[in-house]
């Protein structure tokens, strides 16, 4: 997309937000629904992103940075908490209470003091206390990985910007069910709403202690 990237740059897109001084790690819906081959939401590139998320998590914990996880959750398979979303995406039923597909994998088990957000919609900020939690921690930069790039990762990055945080979307730590939506959404996020960064850059920034 180099030609297209040059066109966006000349039109005033794709400028850098840059890193702030107080990052937090946000892992968006890194749950078994995207990792299990028998799941309707299975993503065959999710394992690579999981490994990258585990690396980010280790770096953030070692430096003492805030960490938050999200997971979609509903009381039952009717998904009554988000009826229109469930009408559009019936596969959301895998996030009903008690479903093993709604669980975080062992590699990303939350530690004491880390925030776990139960959400009903795509964005980690929609109807949750995430923005208030980040503000209370004086966070200015949100490092983002998760599933899927075109869905909940994108929605969360856009809302992070709109809430006044610097979204840093880590390329290797995101995955989607097809390469086209993954690549196109990373391009669009980088052009308009976030800085898309490599794992090496994000990990290096996260290992810096507060």
Protein backbone atom coordinates (compact mmCIF):
# COMPACT_ATOMS: atom_id res chain seq x y z
CA UNK A 1 0.00 0.00 0.00
CA UNK A 2 2.99 2.31 -0.41
CA UNK A 3 1.37 4.38 -3.16
CA UNK A 4 -1.83 4.67 -1.19
CA UNK A 5 0.18 5.51 1.92
CA UNK A 6 1.92 8.34 0.10
CA UNK A 7 -1.45 9.65 -1.07
CA UNK A 8 -2.78 9.64 2.51
CA UNK A 9 0.33 11.42 3.78
CA UNK A 10 0.01 14.14 1.17
CA UNK A 11 -3.63 14.64 2.17
CA UNK A 12 -2.71 15.14 5.83
CA UNK A 13 -3.35 11.65 7.22
CA UNK A 14 -1.03 9.20 8.97
CA UNK A 15 0.73 11.69 11.24
CA UNK A 16 2.23 10.27 14.45
CA UNK A 17 0.55 10.69 17.82
CA UNK A 18 3.71 9.55 19.59
CA UNK A 19 4.10 7.91 22.96
CA UNK A 20 3.16 9.63 26.16
CA UNK A 21 4.84 9.04 29.50
CA UNK A 22 2.37 6.69 31.26
CA UNK A 23 1.30 3.65 29.21
CA UNK A 24 -1.19 0.94 30.06
CA UNK A 25 -1.69 -2.38 28.28
CA UNK A 26 -5.17 -3.22 26.99
CA UNK A 27 -5.75 -6.75 25.68
CA UNK A 28 -9.08 -6.80 23.87
CA UNK A 29 -11.05 -10.07 23.95
CA UNK A 30 -8.07 -12.48 23.81
CA UNK A 31 -10.40 -15.40 24.51
CA UNK A 32 -10.74 -19.03 23.45
CA UNK A 33 -13.49 -18.23 20.94
CA UNK A 34 -10.79 -17.07 18.52
CA UNK A 35 -8.32 -19.84 19.35
CA UNK A 36 -10.46 -23.01 19.36
CA UNK A 37 -10.87 -24.62 15.89
CA UNK A 38 -14.44 -25.70 16.71
CA UNK A 39 -15.54 -22.13 17.45
CA UNK A 40 -17.59 -20.19 14.88
CA UNK A 41 -15.26 -17.23 15.55
CA UNK A 42 -12.02 -19.22 15.10
CA UNK A 43 -9.12 -17.25 13.66
CA UNK A 44 -6.26 -19.34 12.28
CA UNK A 45 -3.70 -16.59 12.88
CA UNK A 46 -4.72 -16.04 16.50
CA UNK A 47 -1.89 -18.14 17.98
CA UNK A 48 0.78 -15.77 16.69
CA UNK A 49 -1.04 -12.79 18.12
CA UNK A 50 -1.44 -14.64 21.42
CA UNK A 51 2.32 -15.09 21.67
CA UNK A 52 2.84 -11.37 21.00
CA UNK A 53 0.24 -10.45 23.63
CA UNK A 54 2.00 -12.67 26.16
CA UNK A 55 5.26 -10.83 25.43
CA UNK A 56 3.58 -7.46 25.94
CA UNK A 57 1.99 -8.69 29.15
CA UNK A 58 5.35 -9.81 30.53
CA UNK A 59 6.93 -6.46 29.69
CA UNK A 60 4.09 -4.45 31.23
CA UNK A 61 4.10 -6.50 34.42
CA UNK A 62 7.86 -6.31 34.80
CA UNK A 63 7.73 -2.52 34.61
CA UNK A 64 4.65 -2.14 36.81
CA UNK A 65 2.37 -0.64 34.16
CA UNK A 66 -1.42 -0.98 34.46
CA UNK A 67 -2.96 -3.94 32.62
CA UNK A 68 -6.58 -4.43 31.52
CA UNK A 69 -8.30 -7.32 29.77
CA UNK A 70 -11.71 -7.35 28.16
CA UNK A 71 -14.04 -10.23 27.40
CA UNK A 72 -17.50 -10.13 25.88
CA UNK A 73 -20.07 -11.73 28.18
CA UNK A 74 -23.80 -12.35 28.27
CA UNK A 75 -26.10 -13.95 30.81
CA UNK A 76 -27.26 -16.60 28.34
CA UNK A 77 -27.36 -17.44 24.64
CA UNK A 78 -30.10 -14.89 23.92
CA UNK A 79 -27.46 -12.12 24.39
CA UNK A 80 -30.30 -9.93 25.63
CA UNK A 81 -27.88 -7.28 26.94
CA UNK A 82 -27.03 -6.36 23.32
CA UNK A 83 -30.01 -7.46 21.20
CA UNK A 84 -29.17 -5.64 17.97
CA UNK A 85 -25.51 -6.66 18.10
CA UNK A 86 -26.60 -10.28 18.60
CA UNK A 87 -29.06 -10.02 15.72
CA UNK A 88 -26.25 -8.82 13.47
CA UNK A 89 -23.73 -11.38 14.76
CA UNK A 90 -25.44 -14.57 16.03
CA UNK A 91 -22.02 -16.06 16.77
CA UNK A 92 -21.95 -13.92 19.91
CA UNK A 93 -23.82 -16.72 21.66
CA UNK A 94 -20.43 -18.34 22.33
CA UNK A 95 -19.92 -15.63 24.98
CA UNK A 96 -22.79 -16.81 27.18
CA UNK A 97 -21.96 -17.37 30.84
CA UNK A 98 -20.31 -20.73 31.39
CA UNK A 99 -19.07 -21.14 27.83
CA UNK A 100 -15.45 -22.34 27.72
CA UNK A 101 -15.02 -20.22 24.58
CA UNK A 102 -15.51 -17.06 26.64
CA UNK A 103 -12.51 -17.79 28.87
CA UNK A 104 -9.08 -16.22 28.70
CA UNK A 105 -6.29 -18.67 27.78
CA UNK A 106 -3.81 -19.75 30.48
CA UNK A 107 -1.02 -17.63 28.93
CA UNK A 108 -3.04 -14.51 29.69
CA UNK A 109 -4.39 -15.26 33.15
CA UNK A 110 -4.96 -11.95 34.96
CA UNK A 111 -2.81 -11.22 37.99
CA UNK A 112 -4.13 -9.61 41.18
CA UNK A 113 -4.80 -5.93 40.68
CA UNK A 114 -5.27 -6.20 36.91
CA UNK A 115 -8.60 -5.07 35.52
CA UNK A 116 -10.92 -7.55 33.78
CA UNK A 117 -13.79 -5.86 31.96
CA UNK A 118 -16.96 -7.68 30.96
CA UNK A 119 -18.44 -5.90 27.97
CA UNK A 120 -21.44 -6.34 25.69
CA UNK A 121 -20.35 -4.41 22.61
CA UNK A 122 -17.28 -4.10 20.40
CA UNK A 123 -15.49 -1.25 22.13
CA UNK A 124 -13.73 -1.77 25.45
CA UNK A 125 -15.03 1.68 26.40
CA UNK A 126 -18.73 1.20 25.53
CA UNK A 127 -20.72 1.08 28.78
CA UNK A 128 -17.66 0.25 30.90
CA UNK A 129 -15.52 1.99 33.50
CA UNK A 130 -12.32 1.68 31.45
CA UNK A 131 -11.89 5.40 30.71
CA UNK A 132 -12.36 6.31 34.38
CA UNK A 133 -9.90 3.58 35.44
CA UNK A 134 -7.26 4.81 33.00
CA UNK A 135 -7.77 8.41 34.04
CA UNK A 136 -7.48 7.51 37.73
CA UNK A 137 -4.15 5.87 36.93
CA UNK A 138 -2.99 8.99 35.06
CA UNK A 139 -2.53 6.89 31.92
CA UNK A 140 -1.98 8.80 28.67
CA UNK A 141 -1.08 5.97 26.27
CA UNK A 142 -2.99 2.72 25.66
CA UNK A 143 -1.08 -0.16 24.09
CA UNK A 144 -3.61 -2.41 22.35
CA UNK A 145 -3.62 -6.00 21.17
CA UNK A 146 -6.40 -8.54 20.76
CA UNK A 147 -9.10 -9.98 18.53
CA UNK A 148 -10.34 -9.13 16.07
CA UNK A 149 -8.47 -6.37 14.26
CA UNK A 150 -11.49 -5.24 12.24
CA UNK A 151 -13.92 -5.52 15.15
CA UNK A 152 -13.23 -5.02 18.83
CA UNK A 153 -9.61 -3.88 18.43
CA UNK A 154 -10.60 -1.22 15.93
CA UNK A 155 -13.59 -0.03 17.98
CA UNK A 156 -11.49 0.15 21.14
CA UNK A 157 -8.68 2.09 19.45
CA UNK A 158 -11.10 4.63 17.99
CA UNK A 159 -12.78 5.13 21.36
CA UNK A 160 -9.42 5.41 23.12
CA UNK A 161 -8.56 8.35 20.89
CA UNK A 162 -11.97 9.92 21.42
CA UNK A 163 -11.54 9.56 25.18
CA UNK A 164 -8.23 11.44 25.09
CA UNK A 165 -5.72 8.58 25.18
CA UNK A 166 -2.95 7.82 22.68
CA UNK A 167 -3.78 4.43 21.10
CA UNK A 168 -0.78 2.31 20.09
CA UNK A 169 -2.05 -0.73 18.19
CA UNK A 170 0.57 -3.48 18.10
CA UNK A 171 0.61 -5.06 14.66
CA UNK A 172 1.76 -8.56 15.65
CA UNK A 173 -0.52 -8.67 18.69
CA UNK A 174 -3.76 -8.46 16.63
CA UNK A 175 -5.43 -11.00 14.39
CA UNK A 176 -8.51 -11.38 12.22
CA UNK A 177 -10.28 -14.19 10.40
CA UNK A 178 -8.95 -13.09 7.00
CA UNK A 179 -5.84 -11.17 5.91
CA UNK A 180 -7.78 -8.54 3.96
CA UNK A 181 -9.76 -7.08 6.89
CA UNK A 182 -6.68 -7.32 9.14
CA UNK A 183 -4.41 -5.41 6.76
CA UNK A 184 -7.01 -2.87 5.69
CA UNK A 185 -8.03 -2.01 9.24
CA UNK A 186 -4.45 -1.62 10.44
CA UNK A 187 -3.86 0.74 7.53
CA UNK A 188 -6.98 2.75 8.29
CA UNK A 189 -6.31 2.91 12.02
CA UNK A 190 -2.77 4.11 11.36
CA UNK A 191 -4.06 6.74 8.96
CA UNK A 192 -6.79 8.21 11.16
CA UNK A 193 -7.08 7.03 14.75
CA UNK A 194 -3.95 5.36 16.18
CA UNK A 195 -0.27 4.67 15.74
CA UNK A 196 0.20 1.12 14.51
CA UNK A 197 3.53 -0.03 15.95
CA UNK A 198 5.68 -3.15 15.82
CA UNK A 199 5.99 -5.54 18.74
CA UNK A 200 9.65 -4.67 19.28
CA UNK A 201 8.89 -0.97 19.67
CA UNK A 202 5.96 -1.56 22.03
CA UNK A 203 7.88 -4.03 24.18
CA UNK A 204 10.83 -1.66 24.42
CA UNK A 205 8.55 1.15 25.56
CA UNK A 206 6.76 -1.03 28.08
CA UNK A 207 9.90 -2.30 29.80
CA UNK A 208 10.68 1.26 30.93
CA UNK A 209 9.64 1.45 34.56
CA UNK A 210 7.48 4.26 35.89
